[in-house]
C-alpha atoms as a PDB file:
ATOM      1  CA  MET A   1      -0.010  -0.024  -0.050  1.00  0.00           C
ATOM      2  CA  HIS A   2       1.234   3.448  -0.897  1.00  0.00           C
ATOM      3  CA  TYR A   3       0.968   6.287   1.665  1.00  0.00           C
ATOM      4  CA  GLN A   4       0.887   9.999   1.192  1.00  0.00           C
ATOM      5  CA  GLN A   5       0.854  12.993   3.492  1.00  0.00           C
ATOM      6  CA  LEU A   6      -2.534  14.597   3.768  1.00  0.00           C
ATOM      7  CA  GLY A   7      -2.056  18.331   3.121  1.00  0.00           C
ATOM      8  CA  LYS A   8       0.154  19.924   5.643  1.00  0.00           C
ATOM      9  CA  SER A   9      -0.885  17.483   8.413  1.00  0.00           C
ATOM     10  CA  ASP A  10       1.146  14.692   9.983  1.00  0.00           C
ATOM     11  CA  LEU A  11      -1.365  12.083   8.681  1.00  0.00           C
ATOM     12  CA  ARG A  12       0.263   9.605   6.251  1.00  0.00           C
ATOM     13  CA  VAL A  13      -2.802   8.326   4.533  1.00  0.00           C
ATOM     14  CA  SER A  14      -3.229   5.084   2.501  1.00  0.00           C
ATOM     15  CA  ALA A  15      -3.808   5.422  -1.246  1.00  0.00           C
ATOM     16  CA  LEU A  16      -7.077   3.519  -0.709  1.00  0.00           C
ATOM     17  CA  SER A  17      -9.429   4.676   2.091  1.00  0.00           C
ATOM     18  CA  PHE A  18     -12.416   2.942   3.459  1.00  0.00           C
ATOM     19  CA  GLY A  19     -15.776   4.841   2.998  1.00  0.00           C
ATOM     20  CA  CYS A  20     -17.819   3.190   5.780  1.00  0.00           C
ATOM     21  CA  MET A  21     -21.308   4.680   4.801  1.00  0.00           C
ATOM     22  CA  SER A  22     -22.391   1.468   3.016  1.00  0.00           C
ATOM     23  CA  LEU A  23     -21.802  -0.791   6.009  1.00  0.00           C
ATOM     24  CA  SER A  24     -25.073  -1.433   7.779  1.00  0.00           C
ATOM     25  CA  PRO A  25     -25.898  -1.512  11.535  1.00  0.00           C
ATOM     26  CA  GLY A  26     -26.079  -5.170  12.644  1.00  0.00           C
ATOM     27  CA  GLN A  27     -24.083  -6.399   9.565  1.00  0.00           C
ATOM     28  CA  SER A  28     -22.594  -9.623  10.892  1.00  0.00           C
ATOM     29  CA  ASP A  29     -19.301  -9.428   8.943  1.00  0.00           C
ATOM     30  CA  ALA A  30     -18.696  -5.698   9.453  1.00  0.00           C
ATOM     31  CA  ASP A  31     -15.934  -6.107  11.967  1.00  0.00           C
ATOM     32  CA  ARG A  32     -14.102  -8.686   9.785  1.00  0.00           C
ATOM     33  CA  ILE A  33     -14.273  -6.545   6.740  1.00  0.00           C
ATOM     34  CA  LEU A  34     -12.930  -3.456   8.648  1.00  0.00           C
ATOM     35  CA  HIS A  35     -10.343  -5.581  10.295  1.00  0.00           C
ATOM     36  CA  TYR A  36      -9.090  -7.106   7.048  1.00  0.00           C
ATOM     37  CA  ALA A  37      -8.910  -3.687   5.545  1.00  0.00           C
ATOM     38  CA  GLN A  38      -6.661  -2.450   8.286  1.00  0.00           C
ATOM     39  CA  GLU A  39      -4.553  -5.613   8.065  1.00  0.00           C
ATOM     40  CA  GLN A  40      -4.083  -5.010   4.323  1.00  0.00           C
ATOM     41  CA  GLY A  41      -2.773  -1.559   4.908  1.00  0.00           C
ATOM     42  CA  ILE A  42      -5.789   0.640   4.717  1.00  0.00           C
ATOM     43  CA  ASN A  43      -5.404   3.187   7.603  1.00  0.00           C
ATOM     44  CA  PHE A  44      -8.033   5.861   6.907  1.00  0.00           C
ATOM     45  CA  PHE A  45     -11.733   5.213   7.691  1.00  0.00           C
ATOM     46  CA  ASP A  46     -14.332   7.803   6.820  1.00  0.00           C
ATOM     47  CA  THR A  47     -17.811   8.032   8.422  1.00  0.00           C
ATOM     48  CA  ALA A  48     -20.375  10.731   9.386  1.00  0.00           C
ATOM     49  CA  ASP A  49     -22.715  11.396  12.235  1.00  0.00           C
ATOM     50  CA  LEU A  50     -25.512  11.563   9.514  1.00  0.00           C
ATOM     51  CA  TYR A  51     -25.106   7.936   8.394  1.00  0.00           C
ATOM     52  CA  ASP A  52     -27.797   5.704   9.955  1.00  0.00           C
ATOM     53  CA  LYS A  53     -28.369   8.428  12.682  1.00  0.00           C
ATOM     54  CA  GLY A  54     -24.989   7.909  14.231  1.00  0.00           C
ATOM     55  CA  GLU A  55     -25.170   4.138  14.174  1.00  0.00           C
ATOM     56  CA  ASN A  56     -22.444   4.026  11.494  1.00  0.00           C
ATOM     57  CA  GLU A  57     -20.001   5.872  13.769  1.00  0.00           C
ATOM     58  CA  ARG A  58     -20.906   3.374  16.410  1.00  0.00           C
ATOM     59  CA  LEU A  59     -20.092   0.361  14.223  1.00  0.00           C
ATOM     60  CA  VAL A  60     -16.806   1.883  13.147  1.00  0.00           C
ATOM     61  CA  GLY A  61     -15.801   2.843  16.664  1.00  0.00           C
ATOM     62  CA  LYS A  62     -16.553  -0.677  18.039  1.00  0.00           C
ATOM     63  CA  ALA A  63     -14.656  -2.448  15.269  1.00  0.00           C
ATOM     64  CA  LEU A  64     -11.605  -0.298  15.425  1.00  0.00           C
ATOM     65  CA  LYS A  65     -11.423   0.438  19.169  1.00  0.00           C
ATOM     66  CA  ASP A  66      -8.586  -2.123  19.825  1.00  0.00           C
ATOM     67  CA  ARG A  67      -6.671  -0.767  16.769  1.00  0.00           C
ATOM     68  CA  ARG A  68      -7.170   2.971  17.435  1.00  0.00           C
ATOM     69  CA  SER A  69      -3.453   3.748  17.422  1.00  0.00           C
ATOM     70  CA  GLN A  70      -2.993   2.171  13.979  1.00  0.00           C
ATOM     71  CA  VAL A  71      -5.800   4.031  12.174  1.00  0.00           C
ATOM     72  CA  TYR A  72      -7.043   7.452  11.267  1.00  0.00           C
ATOM     73  CA  ILE A  73     -10.797   8.080  11.898  1.00  0.00           C
ATOM     74  CA  ALA A  74     -12.544  10.794   9.887  1.00  0.00           C
ATOM     75  CA  THR A  75     -16.047  11.860  10.543  1.00  0.00           C
ATOM     76  CA  LYS A  76     -18.329  14.651   9.533  1.00  0.00           C
ATOM     77  CA  VAL A  77     -20.662  17.247  11.166  1.00  0.00           C
ATOM     78  CA  GLY A  78     -23.333  19.738  10.139  1.00  0.00           C
ATOM     79  CA  ASN A  79     -26.449  17.724   9.409  1.00  0.00           C
ATOM     80  CA  GLN A  80     -28.722  17.808  12.571  1.00  0.00           C
ATOM     81  CA  TRP A  81     -31.373  15.210  12.828  1.00  0.00           C
ATOM     82  CA  ARG A  82     -34.833  16.486  13.997  1.00  0.00           C
ATOM     83  CA  SER A  83     -36.055  15.203  17.175  1.00  0.00           C
ATOM     84  CA  ASP A  84     -38.765  13.065  15.434  1.00  0.00           C
ATOM     85  CA  GLY A  85     -36.067  11.469  13.274  1.00  0.00           C
ATOM     86  CA  SER A  86     -37.979  12.251  10.123  1.00  0.00           C
ATOM     87  CA  THR A  87     -35.194  14.234   8.351  1.00  0.00           C
ATOM     88  CA  TRP A  88     -32.276  16.532   9.177  1.00  0.00           C
ATOM     89  CA  ASP A  89     -31.522  20.322   8.841  1.00  0.00           C
ATOM     90  CA  TRP A  90     -28.289  22.092   7.961  1.00  0.00           C
ATOM     91  CA  ASN A  91     -26.704  23.439  11.109  1.00  0.00           C
ATOM     92  CA  PRO A  92     -23.074  24.742  10.753  1.00  0.00           C
ATOM     93  CA  SER A  93     -23.214  26.870  13.925  1.00  0.00           C
ATOM     94  CA  LYS A  94     -20.493  26.872  16.490  1.00  0.00           C
ATOM     95  CA  ASN A  95     -22.631  25.770  19.231  1.00  0.00           C
ATOM     96  CA  TYR A  96     -23.973  22.804  17.419  1.00  0.00           C
ATOM     97  CA  ILE A  97     -20.531  21.652  16.290  1.00  0.00           C
ATOM     98  CA  LEU A  98     -19.277  21.790  19.761  1.00  0.00           C
ATOM     99  CA  GLU A  99     -22.219  19.706  21.005  1.00  0.00           C
ATOM    100  CA  ALA A 100     -22.084  17.251  18.104  1.00  0.00           C
ATOM    101  CA  VAL A 101     -18.485  16.299  18.468  1.00  0.00           C
ATOM    102  CA  GLU A 102     -19.094  15.014  21.953  1.00  0.00           C
ATOM    103  CA  GLU A 103     -21.721  12.594  20.633  1.00  0.00           C
ATOM    104  CA  SER A 104     -19.391  11.479  17.843  1.00  0.00           C
ATOM    105  CA  LEU A 105     -16.531  10.886  20.293  1.00  0.00           C
ATOM    106  CA  LYS A 106     -18.826   8.649  22.422  1.00  0.00           C
ATOM    107  CA  ARG A 107     -20.136   6.720  19.467  1.00  0.00           C
ATOM    108  CA  LEU A 108     -16.639   6.236  18.140  1.00  0.00           C
ATOM    109  CA  GLN A 109     -15.286   5.214  21.569  1.00  0.00           C
ATOM    110  CA  THR A 110     -12.345   7.489  21.276  1.00  0.00           C
ATOM    111  CA  ASP A 111     -10.822  10.663  22.841  1.00  0.00           C
ATOM    112  CA  TYR A 112     -10.038  12.281  19.576  1.00  0.00           C
ATOM    113  CA  ILE A 113     -10.914  12.473  15.910  1.00  0.00           C
ATOM    114  CA  ASP A 114      -8.188  12.507  13.407  1.00  0.00           C
ATOM    115  CA  LEU A 115     -10.112  14.480  10.735  1.00  0.00           C
ATOM    116  CA  TYR A 116     -13.298  16.303  11.505  1.00  0.00           C
ATOM    117  CA  GLN A 117     -15.158  17.532   8.338  1.00  0.00           C
ATOM    118  CA  LEU A 118     -17.881  19.933   7.688  1.00  0.00           C
ATOM    119  CA  HIS A 119     -20.480  17.847   5.883  1.00  0.00           C
ATOM    120  CA  GLY A 120     -21.444  20.313   3.155  1.00  0.00           C
ATOM    121  CA  GLY A 121     -21.592  24.048   3.369  1.00  0.00           C
ATOM    122  CA  THR A 122     -23.080  27.006   1.623  1.00  0.00           C
ATOM    123  CA  ILE A 123     -21.772  30.596   0.976  1.00  0.00           C
ATOM    124  CA  GLU A 124     -24.421  31.875   3.379  1.00  0.00           C
ATOM    125  CA  ASP A 125     -23.220  29.988   6.330  1.00  0.00           C
ATOM    126  CA  PRO A 126     -21.529  31.778   9.331  1.00  0.00           C
ATOM    127  CA  ILE A 127     -18.205  30.541   8.083  1.00  0.00           C
ATOM    128  CA  ASP A 128     -15.974  32.422  10.538  1.00  0.00           C
ATOM    129  CA  GLU A 129     -18.076  30.994  13.419  1.00  0.00           C
ATOM    130  CA  THR A 130     -17.761  27.498  11.878  1.00  0.00           C
ATOM    131  CA  ILE A 131     -13.937  27.907  11.608  1.00  0.00           C
ATOM    132  CA  GLU A 132     -13.851  29.078  15.287  1.00  0.00           C
ATOM    133  CA  ALA A 133     -15.594  25.863  16.421  1.00  0.00           C
ATOM    134  CA  PHE A 134     -13.047  23.670  14.541  1.00  0.00           C
ATOM    135  CA  GLU A 135     -10.080  25.755  15.867  1.00  0.00           C
ATOM    136  CA  GLN A 136     -11.407  25.507  19.363  1.00  0.00           C
ATOM    137  CA  LEU A 137     -11.713  21.704  19.105  1.00  0.00           C
ATOM    138  CA  LYS A 138      -8.121  21.465  17.775  1.00  0.00           C
ATOM    139  CA  GLN A 139      -6.931  23.532  20.790  1.00  0.00           C
ATOM    140  CA  GLN A 140      -8.805  21.214  23.148  1.00  0.00           C
ATOM    141  CA  GLY A 141      -7.273  18.151  21.486  1.00  0.00           C
ATOM    142  CA  LYS A 142     -10.644  16.611  20.679  1.00  0.00           C
ATOM    143  CA  ILE A 143      -9.795  16.725  16.918  1.00  0.00           C
ATOM    144  CA  ARG A 144      -6.351  16.807  15.295  1.00  0.00           C
ATOM    145  CA  HIS A 145      -7.269  18.286  11.968  1.00  0.00           C
ATOM    146  CA  TYR A 146     -10.420  19.565  10.162  1.00  0.00           C
ATOM    147  CA  GLY A 147     -11.597  19.980   6.620  1.00  0.00           C
ATOM    148  CA  ILE A 148     -14.732  20.149   4.553  1.00  0.00           C
ATOM    149  CA  SER A 149     -16.754  17.790   2.302  1.00  0.00           C
ATOM    150  CA  SER A 150     -17.930  20.057  -0.532  1.00  0.00           C
ATOM    151  CA  ILE A 151     -18.062  20.335  -4.367  1.00  0.00           C
ATOM    152  CA  ARG A 152     -18.961  23.942  -4.317  1.00  0.00           C
ATOM    153  CA  PRO A 153     -16.072  26.180  -5.749  1.00  0.00           C
ATOM    154  CA  ASN A 154     -17.336  29.359  -3.946  1.00  0.00           C
ATOM    155  CA  VAL A 155     -17.351  27.623  -0.554  1.00  0.00           C
ATOM    156  CA  ILE A 156     -14.068  25.873  -1.078  1.00  0.00           C
ATOM    157  CA  ARG A 157     -12.445  29.269  -1.985  1.00  0.00           C
ATOM    158  CA  GLU A 158     -13.741  30.775   1.398  1.00  0.00           C
ATOM    159  CA  TYR A 159     -12.220  28.017   3.485  1.00  0.00           C
ATOM    160  CA  VAL A 160      -9.031  28.089   1.559  1.00  0.00           C
ATOM    161  CA  ASN A 161      -8.645  31.899   2.270  1.00  0.00           C
ATOM    162  CA  ARG A 162     -10.089  31.856   5.830  1.00  0.00           C
ATOM    163  CA  SER A 163      -9.168  28.733   7.522  1.00  0.00           C
ATOM    164  CA  SER A 164      -6.370  26.161   8.081  1.00  0.00           C
ATOM    165  CA  ILE A 165      -8.274  23.298   6.513  1.00  0.00           C
ATOM    166  CA  THR A 166      -6.201  20.223   5.974  1.00  0.00           C
ATOM    167  CA  SER A 167      -8.491  18.544   3.282  1.00  0.00           C
ATOM    168  CA  VAL A 168     -11.407  18.860   0.974  1.00  0.00           C
ATOM    169  CA  MET A 169     -13.489  15.766   0.096  1.00  0.00           C
ATOM    170  CA  MET A 170     -15.087  16.023  -3.328  1.00  0.00           C
ATOM    171  CA  GLN A 171     -16.593  13.871  -6.023  1.00  0.00           C
ATOM    172  CA  TYR A 172     -14.168  13.326  -8.878  1.00  0.00           C
ATOM    173  CA  SER A 173     -13.961  10.732 -11.709  1.00  0.00           C
ATOM    174  CA  LEU A 174     -13.697  10.470 -15.505  1.00  0.00           C
ATOM    175  CA  LEU A 175     -17.440  11.274 -15.636  1.00  0.00           C
ATOM    176  CA  ASP A 176     -17.123  14.197 -13.222  1.00  0.00           C
ATOM    177  CA  ARG A 177     -14.091  16.370 -14.058  1.00  0.00           C
ATOM    178  CA  ARG A 178     -15.695  19.565 -12.635  1.00  0.00           C
ATOM    179  CA  PRO A 179     -13.016  19.941  -9.956  1.00  0.00           C
ATOM    180  CA  GLU A 180     -10.323  20.249 -12.645  1.00  0.00           C
ATOM    181  CA  GLU A 181     -11.519  23.750 -13.702  1.00  0.00           C
ATOM    182  CA  THR A 182     -10.382  25.528 -10.567  1.00  0.00           C
ATOM    183  CA  CYS A 183     -10.562  23.438  -7.366  1.00  0.00           C
ATOM    184  CA  LEU A 184      -7.805  20.993  -7.816  1.00  0.00           C
ATOM    185  CA  ASP A 185      -5.092  23.395  -8.826  1.00  0.00           C
ATOM    186  CA  LEU A 186      -6.107  25.910  -6.080  1.00  0.00           C
ATOM    187  CA  LEU A 187      -5.954  23.090  -3.370  1.00  0.00           C
ATOM    188  CA  HIS A 188      -2.721  21.856  -4.597  1.00  0.00           C
ATOM    189  CA  GLN A 189      -1.207  25.410  -4.613  1.00  0.00           C
ATOM    190  CA  HIS A 190      -2.226  25.753  -0.913  1.00  0.00           C
ATOM    191  CA  SER A 191      -1.130  22.238   0.104  1.00  0.00           C
ATOM    192  CA  ILE A 192      -4.656  21.104   0.949  1.00  0.00           C
ATOM    193  CA  GLY A 193      -5.197  17.356   0.383  1.00  0.00           C
ATOM    194  CA  VAL A 194      -8.124  16.054  -1.728  1.00  0.00           C
ATOM    195  CA  LEU A 195     -10.068  13.060  -0.604  1.00  0.00           C
ATOM    196  CA  VAL A 196     -11.793  11.714  -3.719  1.00  0.00           C
ATOM    197  CA  ARG A 197     -15.088   9.998  -3.630  1.00  0.00           C
ATOM    198  CA  GLY A 198     -17.275   8.652  -6.419  1.00  0.00           C
ATOM    199  CA  SER A 199     -14.234   7.685  -8.603  1.00  0.00           C
ATOM    200  CA  LEU A 200     -16.221   4.741 -10.180  1.00  0.00           C
ATOM    201  CA  ALA A 201     -19.126   7.115 -10.998  1.00  0.00           C
ATOM    202  CA  LYS A 202     -21.706   4.799  -9.341  1.00  0.00           C
ATOM    203  CA  GLY A 203     -20.241   1.792 -11.151  1.00  0.00           C
ATOM    204  CA  LEU A 204     -21.023   3.377 -14.585  1.00  0.00           C
ATOM    205  CA  LEU A 205     -17.352   3.297 -15.411  1.00  0.00           C
ATOM    206  CA  ILE A 206     -16.911  -0.417 -14.694  1.00  0.00           C
ATOM    207  CA  ASN A 207     -19.925  -2.626 -14.853  1.00  0.00           C
ATOM    208  CA  LYS A 208     -23.239  -0.741 -14.785  1.00  0.00           C
ATOM    209  CA  PRO A 209     -25.275  -0.188 -18.065  1.00  0.00           C
ATOM    210  CA  ALA A 210     -24.758   3.168 -19.538  1.00  0.00           C
ATOM    211  CA  THR A 211     -27.331   5.858 -18.578  1.00  0.00           C
ATOM    212  CA  SER A 212     -27.427   9.543 -18.446  1.00  0.00           C
ATOM    213  CA  TYR A 213     -25.161  10.936 -15.689  1.00  0.00           C
ATOM    214  CA  LEU A 214     -24.719  14.562 -14.635  1.00  0.00           C
ATOM    215  CA  GLY A 215     -24.416  16.390 -17.992  1.00  0.00           C
ATOM    216  CA  TYR A 216     -23.653  13.401 -20.017  1.00  0.00           C
ATOM    217  CA  GLN A 217     -25.906  11.422 -22.320  1.00  0.00           C
ATOM    218  CA  ALA A 218     -25.925   7.605 -22.202  1.00  0.00           C
ATOM    219  CA  ASP A 219     -23.768   7.357 -25.353  1.00  0.00           C
ATOM    220  CA  GLU A 220     -21.113   9.569 -23.805  1.00  0.00           C
ATOM    221  CA  VAL A 221     -21.078   7.496 -20.617  1.00  0.00           C
ATOM    222  CA  LYS A 222     -20.729   4.353 -22.677  1.00  0.00           C
ATOM    223  CA  LYS A 223     -17.654   5.799 -24.548  1.00  0.00           C
ATOM    224  CA  ALA A 224     -15.972   6.697 -21.350  1.00  0.00           C
ATOM    225  CA  ALA A 225     -16.509   3.303 -19.913  1.00  0.00           C
ATOM    226  CA  GLU A 226     -15.260   1.653 -23.048  1.00  0.00           C
ATOM    227  CA  THR A 227     -12.087   3.732 -22.910  1.00  0.00           C
ATOM    228  CA  ILE A 228     -11.664   2.616 -19.322  1.00  0.00           C
ATOM    229  CA  HIS A 229     -12.034  -0.928 -20.268  1.00  0.00           C
ATOM    230  CA  SER A 230      -9.727  -0.620 -23.222  1.00  0.00           C
ATOM    231  CA  LEU A 231      -6.901   0.246 -20.883  1.00  0.00           C
ATOM    232  CA  SER A 232      -7.516  -2.591 -18.502  1.00  0.00           C
ATOM    233  CA  GLN A 233      -5.260  -5.526 -19.287  1.00  0.00           C
ATOM    234  CA  ASN A 234      -3.273  -8.150 -17.404  1.00  0.00           C
ATOM    235  CA  ASN A 235      -3.614  -7.498 -13.748  1.00  0.00           C
ATOM    236  CA  ARG A 236      -5.071  -3.888 -14.227  1.00  0.00           C
ATOM    237  CA  THR A 237      -8.795  -3.976 -14.022  1.00  0.00           C
ATOM    238  CA  ALA A 238     -11.267  -1.379 -14.986  1.00  0.00           C
ATOM    239  CA  THR A 239     -11.624  -0.516 -11.342  1.00  0.00           C
ATOM    240  CA  ALA A 240      -7.875   0.121 -11.207  1.00  0.00           C
ATOM    241  CA  VAL A 241      -7.922   2.411 -14.288  1.00  0.00           C
ATOM    242  CA  ALA A 242     -10.857   4.413 -12.750  1.00  0.00           C
ATOM    243  CA  PHE A 243      -8.929   4.724  -9.482  1.00  0.00           C
ATOM    244  CA  GLN A 244      -5.674   5.729 -11.190  1.00  0.00           C
ATOM    245  CA  PHE A 245      -7.481   8.464 -13.207  1.00  0.00           C
ATOM    246  CA  ALA A 246      -9.040   9.963 -10.122  1.00  0.00           C
ATOM    247  CA  LYS A 247      -5.728   9.972  -8.363  1.00  0.00           C
ATOM    248  CA  HIS A 248      -3.637  11.341 -11.172  1.00  0.00           C
ATOM    249  CA  HIS A 249      -3.745  14.954 -10.069  1.00  0.00           C
ATOM    250  CA  PRO A 250      -1.051  15.830  -7.586  1.00  0.00           C
ATOM    251  CA  ALA A 251      -3.682  17.469  -5.262  1.00  0.00           C
ATOM    252  CA  VAL A 252      -5.359  14.083  -4.613  1.00  0.00           C
ATOM    253  CA  THR A 253      -4.157  12.190  -1.610  1.00  0.00           C
ATOM    254  CA  THR A 254      -6.530   9.168  -1.493  1.00  0.00           C
ATOM    255  CA  ALA A 255      -9.639   7.522  -3.011  1.00  0.00           C
ATOM    256  CA  VAL A 256     -12.221   7.157  -0.431  1.00  0.00           C
ATOM    257  CA  THR A 257     -14.153   4.062  -1.669  1.00  0.00           C
ATOM    258  CA  GLY A 258     -17.597   2.959  -0.399  1.00  0.00           C
ATOM    259  CA  ILE A 259     -17.211  -0.678   0.662  1.00  0.00           C
ATOM    260  CA  ARG A 260     -19.917  -3.051   1.803  1.00  0.00           C
ATOM    261  CA  THR A 261     -18.627  -6.512   1.230  1.00  0.00           C
ATOM    262  CA  MET A 262     -15.492  -8.402   1.512  1.00  0.00           C
ATOM    263  CA  ASP A 263     -15.547  -9.012  -2.348  1.00  0.00           C
ATOM    264  CA  GLN A 264     -15.742  -5.194  -2.855  1.00  0.00           C
ATOM    265  CA  LEU A 265     -12.821  -4.706  -0.494  1.00  0.00           C
ATOM    266  CA  LYS A 266     -10.660  -7.393  -2.186  1.00  0.00           C
ATOM    267  CA  THR A 267     -11.314  -5.827  -5.623  1.00  0.00           C
ATOM    268  CA  SER A 268     -10.492  -2.390  -4.483  1.00  0.00           C
ATOM    269  CA  LEU A 269      -7.228  -3.624  -2.875  1.00  0.00           C
ATOM    270  CA  GLN A 270      -6.305  -5.522  -5.984  1.00  0.00           C
ATOM    271  CA  ALA A 271      -6.901  -2.293  -8.012  1.00  0.00           C
ATOM    272  CA  GLN A 272      -4.541  -0.346  -5.774  1.00  0.00           C
ATOM    273  CA  ASN A 273      -1.633  -2.590  -6.571  1.00  0.00           C
ATOM    274  CA  ALA A 274      -2.048  -2.176 -10.373  1.00  0.00           C
ATOM    275  CA  VAL A 275       0.352  -0.393 -12.700  1.00  0.00           C
ATOM    276  CA  GLY A 276      -0.376   3.352 -12.966  1.00  0.00           C
ATOM    277  CA  LEU A 277      -1.490   5.197 -15.990  1.00  0.00           C
ATOM    278  CA  THR A 278       1.086   6.596 -18.423  1.00  0.00           C
ATOM    279  CA  GLU A 279       0.617  10.201 -19.570  1.00  0.00           C
ATOM    280  CA  SER A 280      -0.467   8.858 -22.922  1.00  0.00           C
ATOM    281  CA  GLU A 281      -3.176   6.649 -21.304  1.00  0.00           C
ATOM    282  CA  TYR A 282      -4.256   9.459 -19.098  1.00  0.00           C
ATOM    283  CA  ASN A 283      -4.582  11.784 -22.221  1.00  0.00           C
ATOM    284  CA  GLN A 284      -6.533   9.012 -23.981  1.00  0.00           C
ATOM    285  CA  LEU A 285      -9.041   9.028 -21.129  1.00  0.00           C
ATOM    286  CA  THR A 286      -9.388  12.786 -20.875  1.00  0.00           C
ATOM    287  CA  GLN A 287     -10.047  12.822 -24.621  1.00  0.00           C
ATOM    288  CA  SER A 288     -12.703  10.253 -24.455  1.00  0.00           C
ATOM    289  CA  VAL A 289     -15.287  12.436 -22.879  1.00  0.00           C
ATOM    290  CA  ARG A 290     -15.810  16.283 -22.834  1.00  0.00           C
ATOM    291  CA  PRO A 291     -15.201  18.058 -19.532  1.00  0.00           C
ATOM    292  CA  ILE A 292     -18.202  19.554 -17.720  1.00  0.00           C
ATOM    293  CA  PHE A 293     -18.296  22.478 -15.394  1.00  0.00           C
ATOM    294  CA  TYR A 294     -20.076  23.483 -12.287  1.00  0.00           C
ATOM    295  CA  GLU A 295     -23.211  25.523 -13.181  1.00  0.00           C
ATOM    296  CA  GLU A 296     -23.868  26.726  -9.691  1.00  0.00           C
ATOM    297  CA  HIS A 297     -21.927  27.926  -6.619  1.00  0.00           C
ATOM    298  CA  ARG A 298     -19.184  29.175  -8.806  1.00  0.00           C
END
């Protein structure tokens, strides 16, 4: 497993990270899957207080409690469940963040969170207040670093200019190249690590039937997938090619991959060990589908 420093932090993060959202409360083999991932070199596990109303954090905390010193745990905050559990509301206030972190720490059975992320964000948020909350939690030792999970360029720019974020989690793949326009270069220039999610485009790049996706028509999706498959050979699968594309930009630190089963985990691990893309292959991929751009929140 390859490891890379996340932004300016002291976290050396595995090239493949475990997105825990797909693990279900009560899943009988969840512990075994998480343990195997750690034993194979994955050291970064991402969850959120939103997932299963906190039960996903509880599952992760229980499984990794005895391995806490060997892993990095990331979670997210900002979506507050209503008292009746019917839905959630966006709440990036300082008071809420300071309250929510205590519940996350309890569920995760840990004294600190390695990376605490704002789970979204809008330009209308009280951004300075939100930053104050994260900085206070750092000073208290309850979190080691903080970041945001956002695809909004205007929000990302504000945090780059006004905070000491370590990372930004964003969707990026051959079928979602929107971050290339401004975000990836900006984050790289400021030594802020990118955590990529959605690198397989919901499976459309590897094994799902072509359908319209974001701004692409089904025939464009099909062409992108065909190009991915044309570059998969020997021990390099289509999954490996899609991962390598998403990690090609120097701003990208790791691919956070949603994993639910042992087979998915083993497939993802195998993909990480494959040969990387040459510049010629990378260019072939970029030329296979037109880039798209963010239409809102610019």
